Amino acid sequence: MQRRTALSLLATGAGAGLAQAGLAPLALAAGRTLQVAYAGSMGAVMDKGLGPAIERSAGVRFQGRGAGAFGLAHLLASHQIRADVFVSITPGPMRVVQKAGLAGPAQPIASTEMVIAYSPQGPHARAFAEAARGKRAWYEVLQQPGMRFGRTDPATDPQGRNIVFAMLLAERYYKQPGLAHRLLGDFTGNTSQIFSEPSLLSRLESGQIDASSGYLSAVISHKLPYIRLPAQVNLSDPGMGAQWYDRVHFSIPGAAGKPKRLSIQPLVFYAAALRGSADPKGAQAFIELLRSHEGQQLLHDYGYSRPKGGVLA
């Protein structure tokens, strides 16, 4: 979590961009802090792009909290934490907040796809680079001896679920039965692979792991090399739902130990101002920034694709 100091309302750059978009800057109020809870993969664009932009345009201090989106959603819904804005990936976490009565319709603000990121200095870097050029099968590289692969927890984070789905789809696409379990082991219990979302790519950058799951947006933001996956595997195409994605499921432990069956959801980011916000005007300004030309350009610059689908009502 990062806290920023307030910047002048009259600053140029982002503030000017919002003015051109018809977004009137808010008067600077001493001590005003805008709290944004967001999917942990968005750390770079929030801290370096959108956070500074809303500070300049709205005269607030930006305070971000990035973590697994499902975990954040449940903390918000149970009132264990508070925020003014929630930004989720996939509809699931946002539905938790909406069901708790904390949010109305959520706006789609970006989309992404699953990739395999790898360390450029790791012992398997050359093999991964060959796989990225299509000269080797990426899933064979991931099975090399000594491979250290990282992912997030499917119980609390959409990315943790999405890498499992991607591997299950890869089984079908490449005709490799059992591939997901060979690569991931126990989907929910393999603690040697599971890390918190904000730390996952940092561990890859520092060489603690050799490869990891990743969203294309986050991997580009971190300037890491990666392997793109076919659309049948990367969860990027909502049009493949009935034809392909809807055929894959897996379960995680649910309430009272009862298994909870999961299905693929599109990799779309949604944002909503939360009810009971301490700064509703600031929250609305942040939503408008995300949807403005300037906000969309910032998201694009950090590797995000245009939003897909409609409002999440």
C-alpha atoms as a PDB file:
ATOM      1  CA  MET A   1       0.000   0.000   0.000  1.00  0.00           C
ATOM      2  CA  GLN A   2       1.362   3.356  -0.975  1.00  0.00           C
ATOM      3  CA  ARG A   3       0.389   6.806   0.290  1.00  0.00           C
ATOM      4  CA  ARG A   4       1.073   9.873  -1.817  1.00  0.00           C
ATOM      5  CA  THR A   5       1.329  13.532  -0.915  1.00  0.00           C
ATOM      6  CA  ALA A   6      -1.218  15.969  -2.347  1.00  0.00           C
ATOM      7  CA  LEU A   7      -0.219  17.846  -5.467  1.00  0.00           C
ATOM      8  CA  SER A   8      -1.315  21.198  -6.729  1.00  0.00           C
ATOM      9  CA  LEU A   9      -4.728  21.397  -8.345  1.00  0.00           C
ATOM     10  CA  LEU A  10      -3.250  23.693 -10.960  1.00  0.00           C
ATOM     11  CA  ALA A  11      -0.652  21.185 -12.171  1.00  0.00           C
ATOM     12  CA  THR A  12      -0.563  20.591 -15.905  1.00  0.00           C
ATOM     13  CA  GLY A  13      -0.448  17.208 -17.653  1.00  0.00           C
ATOM     14  CA  ALA A  14      -3.067  14.867 -16.192  1.00  0.00           C
ATOM     15  CA  GLY A  15      -5.129  17.744 -14.807  1.00  0.00           C
ATOM     16  CA  ALA A  16      -5.247  19.407 -18.190  1.00  0.00           C
ATOM     17  CA  GLY A  17      -6.259  16.125 -19.793  1.00  0.00           C
ATOM     18  CA  LEU A  18      -9.188  15.773 -17.434  1.00  0.00           C
ATOM     19  CA  ALA A  19     -10.233  19.346 -18.052  1.00  0.00           C
ATOM     20  CA  GLN A  20     -10.310  18.637 -21.780  1.00  0.00           C
ATOM     21  CA  ALA A  21     -12.450  15.573 -21.049  1.00  0.00           C
ATOM     22  CA  GLY A  22     -14.949  17.783 -19.247  1.00  0.00           C
ATOM     23  CA  LEU A  23     -14.006  16.620 -15.758  1.00  0.00           C
ATOM     24  CA  ALA A  24     -13.986  19.611 -13.413  1.00  0.00           C
ATOM     25  CA  PRO A  25     -11.159  19.446 -10.827  1.00  0.00           C
ATOM     26  CA  LEU A  26     -12.250  19.360  -7.209  1.00  0.00           C
ATOM     27  CA  ALA A  27     -11.155  21.971  -4.708  1.00  0.00           C
ATOM     28  CA  LEU A  28      -8.132  20.923  -2.701  1.00  0.00           C
ATOM     29  CA  ALA A  29      -9.165  20.015   0.846  1.00  0.00           C
ATOM     30  CA  ALA A  30      -6.486  19.601   3.487  1.00  0.00           C
ATOM     31  CA  GLY A  31      -6.134  16.004   4.609  1.00  0.00           C
ATOM     32  CA  ARG A  32      -8.390  14.518   1.918  1.00  0.00           C
ATOM     33  CA  THR A  33      -7.346  10.984   1.067  1.00  0.00           C
ATOM     34  CA  LEU A  34      -8.878   8.896  -1.706  1.00  0.00           C
ATOM     35  CA  GLN A  35      -8.688   5.200  -0.835  1.00  0.00           C
ATOM     36  CA  VAL A  36      -8.715   2.797  -3.774  1.00  0.00           C
ATOM     37  CA  ALA A  37      -8.777  -0.983  -3.318  1.00  0.00           C
ATOM     38  CA  TYR A  38      -7.623  -2.720  -6.498  1.00  0.00           C
ATOM     39  CA  ALA A  39      -6.595  -6.066  -7.970  1.00  0.00           C
ATOM     40  CA  GLY A  40      -2.957  -6.518  -7.000  1.00  0.00           C
ATOM     41  CA  SER A  41      -1.736  -6.934 -10.580  1.00  0.00           C
ATOM     42  CA  MET A  42      -2.553  -3.239 -11.160  1.00  0.00           C
ATOM     43  CA  GLY A  43       0.121  -1.956  -8.770  1.00  0.00           C
ATOM     44  CA  ALA A  44       2.348  -0.338 -11.390  1.00  0.00           C
ATOM     45  CA  VAL A  45      -0.353   1.611 -13.230  1.00  0.00           C
ATOM     46  CA  MET A  46      -1.986   2.678  -9.974  1.00  0.00           C
ATOM     47  CA  ASP A  47       1.189   3.842  -8.223  1.00  0.00           C
ATOM     48  CA  LYS A  48       2.911   5.418 -11.215  1.00  0.00           C
ATOM     49  CA  GLY A  49       0.068   6.439 -13.511  1.00  0.00           C
ATOM     50  CA  LEU A  50      -3.479   6.729 -12.220  1.00  0.00           C
ATOM     51  CA  GLY A  51      -2.592   7.665  -8.633  1.00  0.00           C
ATOM     52  CA  PRO A  52      -0.512  10.705  -9.613  1.00  0.00           C
ATOM     53  CA  ALA A  53      -3.118  11.663 -12.226  1.00  0.00           C
ATOM     54  CA  ILE A  54      -5.992  11.804  -9.726  1.00  0.00           C
ATOM     55  CA  GLU A  55      -3.819  13.708  -7.254  1.00  0.00           C
ATOM     56  CA  ARG A  56      -3.097  16.370  -9.841  1.00  0.00           C
ATOM     57  CA  SER A  57      -6.650  16.637 -11.101  1.00  0.00           C
ATOM     58  CA  ALA A  58      -8.681  16.268  -7.903  1.00  0.00           C
ATOM     59  CA  GLY A  59      -6.377  17.668  -5.221  1.00  0.00           C
ATOM     60  CA  VAL A  60      -6.446  14.509  -3.082  1.00  0.00           C
ATOM     61  CA  ARG A  61      -3.866  12.151  -1.660  1.00  0.00           C
ATOM     62  CA  PHE A  62      -4.060   8.778  -3.394  1.00  0.00           C
ATOM     63  CA  GLN A  63      -3.879   5.767  -1.096  1.00  0.00           C
ATOM     64  CA  GLY A  64      -3.935   2.407  -2.857  1.00  0.00           C
ATOM     65  CA  ARG A  65      -4.425  -1.067  -1.472  1.00  0.00           C
ATOM     66  CA  GLY A  66      -3.573  -3.857  -3.897  1.00  0.00           C
ATOM     67  CA  ALA A  67      -4.248  -7.544  -3.171  1.00  0.00           C
ATOM     68  CA  GLY A  68      -6.137 -10.532  -4.523  1.00  0.00           C
ATOM     69  CA  ALA A  69      -9.458  -9.174  -5.740  1.00  0.00           C
ATOM     70  CA  PHE A  70     -11.622 -11.834  -4.081  1.00  0.00           C
ATOM     71  CA  GLY A  71      -9.838 -11.344  -0.769  1.00  0.00           C
ATOM     72  CA  LEU A  72     -10.338  -7.584  -0.960  1.00  0.00           C
ATOM     73  CA  ALA A  73     -13.985  -7.997  -1.948  1.00  0.00           C
ATOM     74  CA  HIS A  74     -14.733 -10.145   1.093  1.00  0.00           C
ATOM     75  CA  LEU A  75     -12.900  -7.732   3.414  1.00  0.00           C
ATOM     76  CA  LEU A  76     -14.941  -4.851   2.018  1.00  0.00           C
ATOM     77  CA  ALA A  77     -18.209  -6.775   2.187  1.00  0.00           C
ATOM     78  CA  SER A  78     -17.595  -7.686   5.848  1.00  0.00           C
ATOM     79  CA  HIS A  79     -16.578  -4.086   6.676  1.00  0.00           C
ATOM     80  CA  GLN A  80     -13.110  -5.172   7.813  1.00  0.00           C
ATOM     81  CA  ILE A  81     -11.592  -2.558   5.525  1.00  0.00           C
ATOM     82  CA  ARG A  82     -13.035   0.536   3.834  1.00  0.00           C
ATOM     83  CA  ALA A  83     -12.343   2.193   0.513  1.00  0.00           C
ATOM     84  CA  ASP A  84     -13.854   4.815  -1.749  1.00  0.00           C
ATOM     85  CA  VAL A  85     -13.359   2.871  -4.986  1.00  0.00           C
ATOM     86  CA  PHE A  86     -12.982  -0.822  -5.797  1.00  0.00           C
ATOM     87  CA  VAL A  87     -11.325  -2.032  -9.019  1.00  0.00           C
ATOM     88  CA  SER A  88     -11.665  -5.745  -9.731  1.00  0.00           C
ATOM     89  CA  ILE A  89     -10.620  -8.153 -12.438  1.00  0.00           C
ATOM     90  CA  THR A  90     -13.395 -10.504 -13.616  1.00  0.00           C
ATOM     91  CA  PRO A  91     -16.993 -10.005 -12.514  1.00  0.00           C
ATOM     92  CA  GLY A  92     -16.772 -12.337  -9.490  1.00  0.00           C
ATOM     93  CA  PRO A  93     -15.155 -10.048  -6.890  1.00  0.00           C
ATOM     94  CA  MET A  94     -17.297  -7.091  -7.928  1.00  0.00           C
ATOM     95  CA  ARG A  95     -20.410  -9.238  -7.527  1.00  0.00           C
ATOM     96  CA  VAL A  96     -19.401  -9.898  -3.905  1.00  0.00           C
ATOM     97  CA  VAL A  97     -19.286  -6.151  -3.221  1.00  0.00           C
ATOM     98  CA  GLN A  98     -22.527  -5.494  -5.098  1.00  0.00           C
ATOM     99  CA  LYS A  99     -24.323  -8.285  -3.233  1.00  0.00           C
ATOM    100  CA  ALA A 100     -23.235  -6.680   0.048  1.00  0.00           C
ATOM    101  CA  GLY A 101     -24.966  -3.471  -1.053  1.00  0.00           C
ATOM    102  CA  LEU A 102     -21.705  -1.511  -1.290  1.00  0.00           C
ATOM    103  CA  ALA A 103     -21.751  -0.779  -5.019  1.00  0.00           C
ATOM    104  CA  GLY A 104     -24.138  -0.151  -7.861  1.00  0.00           C
ATOM    105  CA  PRO A 105     -23.344  -0.805 -11.534  1.00  0.00           C
ATOM    106  CA  ALA A 106     -19.620  -1.283 -12.230  1.00  0.00           C
ATOM    107  CA  GLN A 107     -17.932   0.142 -15.321  1.00  0.00           C
ATOM    108  CA  PRO A 108     -15.628  -1.957 -17.531  1.00  0.00           C
ATOM    109  CA  ILE A 109     -12.369  -0.012 -17.759  1.00  0.00           C
ATOM    110  CA  ALA A 110      -9.807  -2.403 -19.339  1.00  0.00           C
ATOM    111  CA  SER A 111      -9.117  -6.009 -20.314  1.00  0.00           C
ATOM    112  CA  THR A 112      -6.117  -8.333 -20.501  1.00  0.00           C
ATOM    113  CA  GLU A 113      -5.008 -11.928 -21.173  1.00  0.00           C
ATOM    114  CA  MET A 114      -3.043 -14.659 -19.419  1.00  0.00           C
ATOM    115  CA  VAL A 115       0.652 -15.092 -20.273  1.00  0.00           C
ATOM    116  CA  ILE A 116       3.644 -16.958 -18.865  1.00  0.00           C
ATOM    117  CA  ALA A 117       6.261 -14.478 -17.606  1.00  0.00           C
ATOM    118  CA  TYR A 118       9.868 -15.523 -17.064  1.00  0.00           C
ATOM    119  CA  SER A 119      13.072 -14.222 -15.562  1.00  0.00           C
ATOM    120  CA  PRO A 120      15.535 -12.940 -18.195  1.00  0.00           C
ATOM    121  CA  GLN A 121      18.462 -13.851 -15.921  1.00  0.00           C
ATOM    122  CA  GLY A 122      17.169 -17.229 -14.719  1.00  0.00           C
ATOM    123  CA  PRO A 123      18.753 -20.582 -15.595  1.00  0.00           C
ATOM    124  CA  HIS A 124      15.897 -21.368 -17.995  1.00  0.00           C
ATOM    125  CA  ALA A 125      15.797 -17.972 -19.729  1.00  0.00           C
ATOM    126  CA  ARG A 126      17.187 -19.243 -23.025  1.00  0.00           C
ATOM    127  CA  ALA A 127      14.659 -22.075 -23.200  1.00  0.00           C
ATOM    128  CA  PHE A 128      11.802 -19.679 -22.425  1.00  0.00           C
ATOM    129  CA  ALA A 129      13.028 -17.253 -25.095  1.00  0.00           C
ATOM    130  CA  GLU A 130      12.942 -20.086 -27.631  1.00  0.00           C
ATOM    131  CA  ALA A 131       9.406 -20.948 -26.523  1.00  0.00           C
ATOM    132  CA  ALA A 132       8.391 -17.294 -26.937  1.00  0.00           C
ATOM    133  CA  ARG A 133       9.614 -17.497 -30.557  1.00  0.00           C
ATOM    134  CA  GLY A 134       7.636 -20.690 -31.131  1.00  0.00           C
ATOM    135  CA  LYS A 135      10.719 -22.918 -31.344  1.00  0.00           C
ATOM    136  CA  ARG A 136       9.852 -24.976 -28.242  1.00  0.00           C
ATOM    137  CA  ALA A 137       6.681 -25.955 -26.435  1.00  0.00           C
ATOM    138  CA  TRP A 138       6.282 -23.661 -23.422  1.00  0.00           C
ATOM    139  CA  TYR A 139       4.666 -26.372 -21.344  1.00  0.00           C
ATOM    140  CA  GLU A 140       7.696 -28.629 -21.889  1.00  0.00           C
ATOM    141  CA  VAL A 141      10.023 -25.868 -20.679  1.00  0.00           C
ATOM    142  CA  LEU A 142       7.918 -25.524 -17.522  1.00  0.00           C
ATOM    143  CA  GLN A 143       8.545 -29.211 -16.790  1.00  0.00           C
ATOM    144  CA  GLN A 144      12.338 -28.940 -16.826  1.00  0.00           C
ATOM    145  CA  PRO A 145      14.104 -30.166 -13.655  1.00  0.00           C
ATOM    146  CA  GLY A 146      14.553 -27.506 -10.986  1.00  0.00           C
ATOM    147  CA  MET A 147      11.890 -25.204 -12.440  1.00  0.00           C
ATOM    148  CA  ARG A 148      10.520 -22.726  -9.876  1.00  0.00           C
ATOM    149  CA  PHE A 149       7.049 -21.596 -10.970  1.00  0.00           C
ATOM    150  CA  GLY A 150       4.930 -19.032  -9.148  1.00  0.00           C
ATOM    151  CA  ARG A 151       1.203 -18.308  -9.096  1.00  0.00           C
ATOM    152  CA  THR A 152      -1.403 -16.881  -6.737  1.00  0.00           C
ATOM    153  CA  ASP A 153      -3.982 -18.518  -4.490  1.00  0.00           C
ATOM    154  CA  PRO A 154      -7.133 -19.595  -6.368  1.00  0.00           C
ATOM    155  CA  ALA A 155      -9.104 -19.330  -3.117  1.00  0.00           C
ATOM    156  CA  THR A 156      -8.591 -15.549  -2.888  1.00  0.00           C
ATOM    157  CA  ASP A 157      -7.372 -14.252  -6.234  1.00  0.00           C
ATOM    158  CA  PRO A 158      -8.855 -14.407  -9.750  1.00  0.00           C
ATOM    159  CA  GLN A 159      -5.379 -14.749 -11.280  1.00  0.00           C
ATOM    160  CA  GLY A 160      -4.838 -17.862  -9.175  1.00  0.00           C
ATOM    161  CA  ARG A 161      -7.987 -19.308 -10.677  1.00  0.00           C
ATOM    162  CA  ASN A 162      -7.213 -18.137 -14.186  1.00  0.00           C
ATOM    163  CA  ILE A 163      -3.825 -19.861 -14.429  1.00  0.00           C
ATOM    164  CA  VAL A 164      -5.513 -23.132 -13.445  1.00  0.00           C
ATOM    165  CA  PHE A 165      -8.134 -22.556 -16.124  1.00  0.00           C
ATOM    166  CA  ALA A 166      -5.411 -21.725 -18.672  1.00  0.00           C
ATOM    167  CA  MET A 167      -3.584 -24.979 -17.911  1.00  0.00           C
ATOM    168  CA  LEU A 168      -6.814 -26.983 -18.141  1.00  0.00           C
ATOM    169  CA  LEU A 169      -7.541 -25.362 -21.499  1.00  0.00           C
ATOM    170  CA  ALA A 170      -3.976 -26.117 -22.592  1.00  0.00           C
ATOM    171  CA  GLU A 171      -4.601 -29.809 -21.857  1.00  0.00           C
ATOM    172  CA  ARG A 172      -7.434 -29.754 -24.381  1.00  0.00           C
ATOM    173  CA  TYR A 173      -5.794 -27.476 -26.942  1.00  0.00           C
ATOM    174  CA  TYR A 174      -2.447 -29.341 -27.065  1.00  0.00           C
ATOM    175  CA  LYS A 175      -4.024 -32.771 -26.404  1.00  0.00           C
ATOM    176  CA  GLN A 176      -1.920 -33.277 -23.266  1.00  0.00           C
ATOM    177  CA  PRO A 177      -4.057 -35.118 -20.661  1.00  0.00           C
ATOM    178  CA  GLY A 178      -3.002 -34.384 -17.079  1.00  0.00           C
ATOM    179  CA  LEU A 179      -0.884 -31.378 -18.057  1.00  0.00           C
ATOM    180  CA  ALA A 180      -2.423 -29.020 -15.489  1.00  0.00           C
ATOM    181  CA  HIS A 181      -1.565 -31.274 -12.570  1.00  0.00           C
ATOM    182  CA  ARG A 182       1.921 -31.968 -13.896  1.00  0.00           C
ATOM    183  CA  LEU A 183       2.618 -28.222 -14.032  1.00  0.00           C
ATOM    184  CA  LEU A 184       0.732 -27.033 -10.939  1.00  0.00           C
ATOM    185  CA  GLY A 185       0.430 -30.028  -8.642  1.00  0.00           C
ATOM    186  CA  ASP A 186      -2.448 -29.606  -6.193  1.00  0.00           C
ATOM    187  CA  PHE A 187      -4.379 -26.632  -7.559  1.00  0.00           C
ATOM    188  CA  THR A 188      -5.106 -25.119  -4.126  1.00  0.00           C
ATOM    189  CA  GLY A 189      -2.583 -26.770  -1.801  1.00  0.00           C
ATOM    190  CA  ASN A 190       0.785 -26.496  -3.569  1.00  0.00           C
ATOM    191  CA  THR A 191       2.242 -23.858  -1.239  1.00  0.00           C
ATOM    192  CA  SER A 192       5.664 -23.994  -2.919  1.00  0.00           C
ATOM    193  CA  GLN A 193       4.096 -22.226  -5.930  1.00  0.00           C
ATOM    194  CA  ILE A 194       1.548 -19.903  -4.305  1.00  0.00           C
ATOM    195  CA  PHE A 195       2.415 -16.287  -3.407  1.00  0.00           C
ATOM    196  CA  SER A 196       0.442 -13.090  -2.845  1.00  0.00           C
ATOM    197  CA  GLU A 197      -0.416 -11.259  -6.052  1.00  0.00           C
ATOM    198  CA  PRO A 198       1.459  -7.996  -5.294  1.00  0.00           C
ATOM    199  CA  SER A 199       4.686  -9.934  -4.630  1.00  0.00           C
ATOM    200  CA  LEU A 200       4.510 -12.446  -7.483  1.00  0.00           C
ATOM    201  CA  LEU A 201       6.197 -10.472 -10.267  1.00  0.00           C
ATOM    202  CA  SER A 202       8.606  -8.890  -7.767  1.00  0.00           C
ATOM    203  CA  ARG A 203       9.786 -12.391  -6.864  1.00  0.00           C
ATOM    204  CA  LEU A 204      10.258 -13.084 -10.557  1.00  0.00           C
ATOM    205  CA  GLU A 205      12.248  -9.866 -11.017  1.00  0.00           C
ATOM    206  CA  SER A 206      14.499 -10.712  -8.063  1.00  0.00           C
ATOM    207  CA  GLY A 207      15.182 -14.242  -9.295  1.00  0.00           C
ATOM    208  CA  GLN A 208      13.380 -16.063  -6.475  1.00  0.00           C
ATOM    209  CA  ILE A 209      11.337 -17.920  -9.103  1.00  0.00           C
ATOM    210  CA  ASP A 210      12.020 -18.742 -12.761  1.00  0.00           C
ATOM    211  CA  ALA A 211       8.566 -18.219 -14.250  1.00  0.00           C
ATOM    212  CA  SER A 212       5.080 -17.234 -13.183  1.00  0.00           C
ATOM    213  CA  SER A 213       1.543 -16.766 -14.292  1.00  0.00           C
ATOM    214  CA  GLY A 214       0.772 -13.214 -15.264  1.00  0.00           C
ATOM    215  CA  TYR A 215      -1.668 -10.865 -16.893  1.00  0.00           C
ATOM    216  CA  LEU A 216      -0.236  -9.318 -20.048  1.00  0.00           C
ATOM    217  CA  SER A 217      -0.988  -5.863 -18.631  1.00  0.00           C
ATOM    218  CA  ALA A 218       1.002  -6.418 -15.430  1.00  0.00           C
ATOM    219  CA  VAL A 219       3.895  -8.160 -17.165  1.00  0.00           C
ATOM    220  CA  ILE A 220       4.293  -5.301 -19.651  1.00  0.00           C
ATOM    221  CA  SER A 221       4.090  -2.809 -16.779  1.00  0.00           C
ATOM    222  CA  HIS A 222       6.988  -4.618 -15.076  1.00  0.00           C
ATOM    223  CA  LYS A 223       8.929  -4.826 -18.372  1.00  0.00           C
ATOM    224  CA  LEU A 224       9.351  -8.590 -18.060  1.00  0.00           C
ATOM    225  CA  PRO A 225       9.711 -11.027 -20.974  1.00  0.00           C
ATOM    226  CA  TYR A 226       6.761 -13.333 -21.541  1.00  0.00           C
ATOM    227  CA  ILE A 227       5.225 -16.080 -23.665  1.00  0.00           C
ATOM    228  CA  ARG A 228       1.876 -15.348 -25.267  1.00  0.00           C
ATOM    229  CA  LEU A 229      -0.688 -18.137 -25.309  1.00  0.00           C
ATOM    230  CA  PRO A 230      -3.284 -18.887 -27.990  1.00  0.00           C
ATOM    231  CA  ALA A 231      -6.725 -17.336 -27.572  1.00  0.00           C
ATOM    232  CA  GLN A 232      -8.105 -20.806 -26.834  1.00  0.00           C
ATOM    233  CA  VAL A 233      -5.901 -20.826 -23.709  1.00  0.00           C
ATOM    234  CA  ASN A 234      -5.409 -17.192 -22.597  1.00  0.00           C
ATOM    235  CA  LEU A 235      -9.022 -16.400 -21.543  1.00  0.00           C
ATOM    236  CA  SER A 236      -9.045 -13.181 -23.572  1.00  0.00           C
ATOM    237  CA  ASP A 237     -11.925 -13.795 -25.968  1.00  0.00           C
ATOM    238  CA  PRO A 238     -15.459 -13.663 -24.503  1.00  0.00           C
ATOM    239  CA  GLY A 239     -16.697 -14.997 -27.840  1.00  0.00           C
ATOM    240  CA  MET A 240     -15.095 -18.366 -27.091  1.00  0.00           C
ATOM    241  CA  GLY A 241     -17.263 -18.953 -24.041  1.00  0.00           C
ATOM    242  CA  ALA A 242     -19.857 -21.439 -25.271  1.00  0.00           C
ATOM    243  CA  GLN A 243     -17.511 -22.957 -27.855  1.00  0.00           C
ATOM    244  CA  TRP A 244     -14.470 -23.472 -25.640  1.00  0.00           C
ATOM    245  CA  TYR A 245     -14.088 -21.772 -22.245  1.00  0.00           C
ATOM    246  CA  ASP A 246     -17.371 -22.983 -20.735  1.00  0.00           C
ATOM    247  CA  ARG A 247     -16.230 -26.605 -21.012  1.00  0.00           C
ATOM    248  CA  VAL A 248     -13.585 -26.234 -18.298  1.00  0.00           C
ATOM    249  CA  HIS A 249     -14.255 -26.213 -14.539  1.00  0.00           C
ATOM    250  CA  PHE A 250     -12.531 -27.014 -11.271  1.00  0.00           C
ATOM    251  CA  SER A 251     -13.416 -26.770  -7.585  1.00  0.00           C
ATOM    252  CA  ILE A 252     -11.966 -25.108  -4.504  1.00  0.00           C
ATOM    253  CA  PRO A 253     -12.939 -25.640  -0.844  1.00  0.00           C
ATOM    254  CA  GLY A 254     -16.076 -23.666  -0.034  1.00  0.00           C
ATOM    255  CA  ALA A 255     -18.163 -22.934   3.045  1.00  0.00           C
ATOM    256  CA  ALA A 256     -18.184 -25.739   5.636  1.00  0.00           C
ATOM    257  CA  GLY A 257     -15.752 -27.704   3.481  1.00  0.00           C
ATOM    258  CA  LYS A 258     -18.241 -28.087   0.646  1.00  0.00           C
ATOM    259  CA  PRO A 259     -16.517 -27.877  -2.773  1.00  0.00           C
ATOM    260  CA  LYS A 260     -17.220 -24.745  -4.792  1.00  0.00           C
ATOM    261  CA  ARG A 261     -17.284 -25.297  -8.556  1.00  0.00           C
ATOM    262  CA  LEU A 262     -15.642 -22.520 -10.574  1.00  0.00           C
ATOM    263  CA  SER A 263     -16.167 -21.428 -14.170  1.00  0.00           C
ATOM    264  CA  ILE A 264     -14.165 -19.118 -16.411  1.00  0.00           C
ATOM    265  CA  GLN A 265     -15.024 -15.423 -16.316  1.00  0.00           C
ATOM    266  CA  PRO A 266     -13.754 -12.899 -18.906  1.00  0.00           C
ATOM    267  CA  LEU A 267     -10.539 -11.029 -18.068  1.00  0.00           C
ATOM    268  CA  VAL A 268     -12.175  -7.617 -17.830  1.00  0.00           C
ATOM    269  CA  PHE A 269     -11.406  -4.997 -15.159  1.00  0.00           C
ATOM    270  CA  TYR A 270     -14.400  -3.295 -13.501  1.00  0.00           C
ATOM    271  CA  ALA A 271     -14.494  -0.186 -11.302  1.00  0.00           C
ATOM    272  CA  ALA A 272     -17.170   1.113  -8.950  1.00  0.00           C
ATOM    273  CA  ALA A 273     -17.462   3.940  -6.443  1.00  0.00           C
ATOM    274  CA  LEU A 274     -18.445   2.438  -3.094  1.00  0.00           C
ATOM    275  CA  ARG A 275     -21.460   3.462  -1.085  1.00  0.00           C
ATOM    276  CA  GLY A 276     -20.645   5.146   2.197  1.00  0.00           C
ATOM    277  CA  SER A 277     -17.472   6.627   0.742  1.00  0.00           C
ATOM    278  CA  ALA A 278     -15.832   9.326   2.853  1.00  0.00           C
ATOM    279  CA  ASP A 279     -15.162  11.223  -0.388  1.00  0.00           C
ATOM    280  CA  PRO A 280     -17.920  10.462  -2.918  1.00  0.00           C
ATOM    281  CA  LYS A 281     -16.870  13.321  -5.222  1.00  0.00           C
ATOM    282  CA  GLY A 282     -13.297  12.082  -5.280  1.00  0.00           C
ATOM    283  CA  ALA A 283     -14.506   8.528  -5.900  1.00  0.00           C
ATOM    284  CA  GLN A 284     -16.613   9.656  -8.840  1.00  0.00           C
ATOM    285  CA  ALA A 285     -13.709  11.694 -10.211  1.00  0.00           C
ATOM    286  CA  PHE A 286     -11.543   8.579 -10.145  1.00  0.00           C
ATOM    287  CA  ILE A 287     -14.167   6.549 -12.040  1.00  0.00           C
ATOM    288  CA  GLU A 288     -14.376   9.338 -14.621  1.00  0.00           C
ATOM    289  CA  LEU A 289     -10.594   9.419 -14.911  1.00  0.00           C
ATOM    290  CA  LEU A 290     -10.522   5.676 -15.604  1.00  0.00           C
ATOM    291  CA  ARG A 291     -13.041   6.099 -18.425  1.00  0.00           C
ATOM    292  CA  SER A 292     -11.598   9.314 -19.870  1.00  0.00           C
ATOM    293  CA  HIS A 293      -9.263   9.525 -22.849  1.00  0.00           C
ATOM    294  CA  GLU A 294      -6.358  10.264 -20.532  1.00  0.00           C
ATOM    295  CA  GLY A 295      -7.136   7.368 -18.213  1.00  0.00           C
ATOM    296  CA  GLN A 296      -7.509   4.962 -21.117  1.00  0.00           C
ATOM    297  CA  GLN A 297      -4.205   6.179 -22.548  1.00  0.00           C
ATOM    298  CA  LEU A 298      -2.479   5.576 -19.202  1.00  0.00           C
ATOM    299  CA  LEU A 299      -3.920   2.075 -19.038  1.00  0.00           C
ATOM    300  CA  HIS A 300      -2.796   1.420 -22.616  1.00  0.00           C
ATOM    301  CA  ASP A 301       0.700   2.681 -21.832  1.00  0.00           C
ATOM    302  CA  TYR A 302       0.936   0.144 -19.005  1.00  0.00           C
ATOM    303  CA  GLY A 303      -0.094  -2.776 -21.189  1.00  0.00           C
ATOM    304  CA  TYR A 304      -3.870  -2.890 -20.749  1.00  0.00           C
ATOM    305  CA  SER A 305      -6.275  -3.521 -23.616  1.00  0.00           C
ATOM    306  CA  ARG A 306      -9.540  -1.740 -24.277  1.00  0.00           C
ATOM    307  CA  PRO A 307     -12.504  -2.762 -22.075  1.00  0.00           C
ATOM    308  CA  LYS A 308     -14.779  -5.486 -23.390  1.00  0.00           C
ATOM    309  CA  GLY A 309     -18.447  -6.084 -22.667  1.00  0.00           C
ATOM    310  CA  GLY A 310     -20.956  -3.824 -20.964  1.00  0.00           C
ATOM    311  CA  VAL A 311     -21.719  -2.408 -17.538  1.00  0.00           C
ATOM    312  CA  LEU A 312     -21.837  -4.956 -14.714  1.00  0.00           C
ATOM    313  CA  ALA A 313     -25.261  -4.245 -13.205  1.00  0.00           C
END
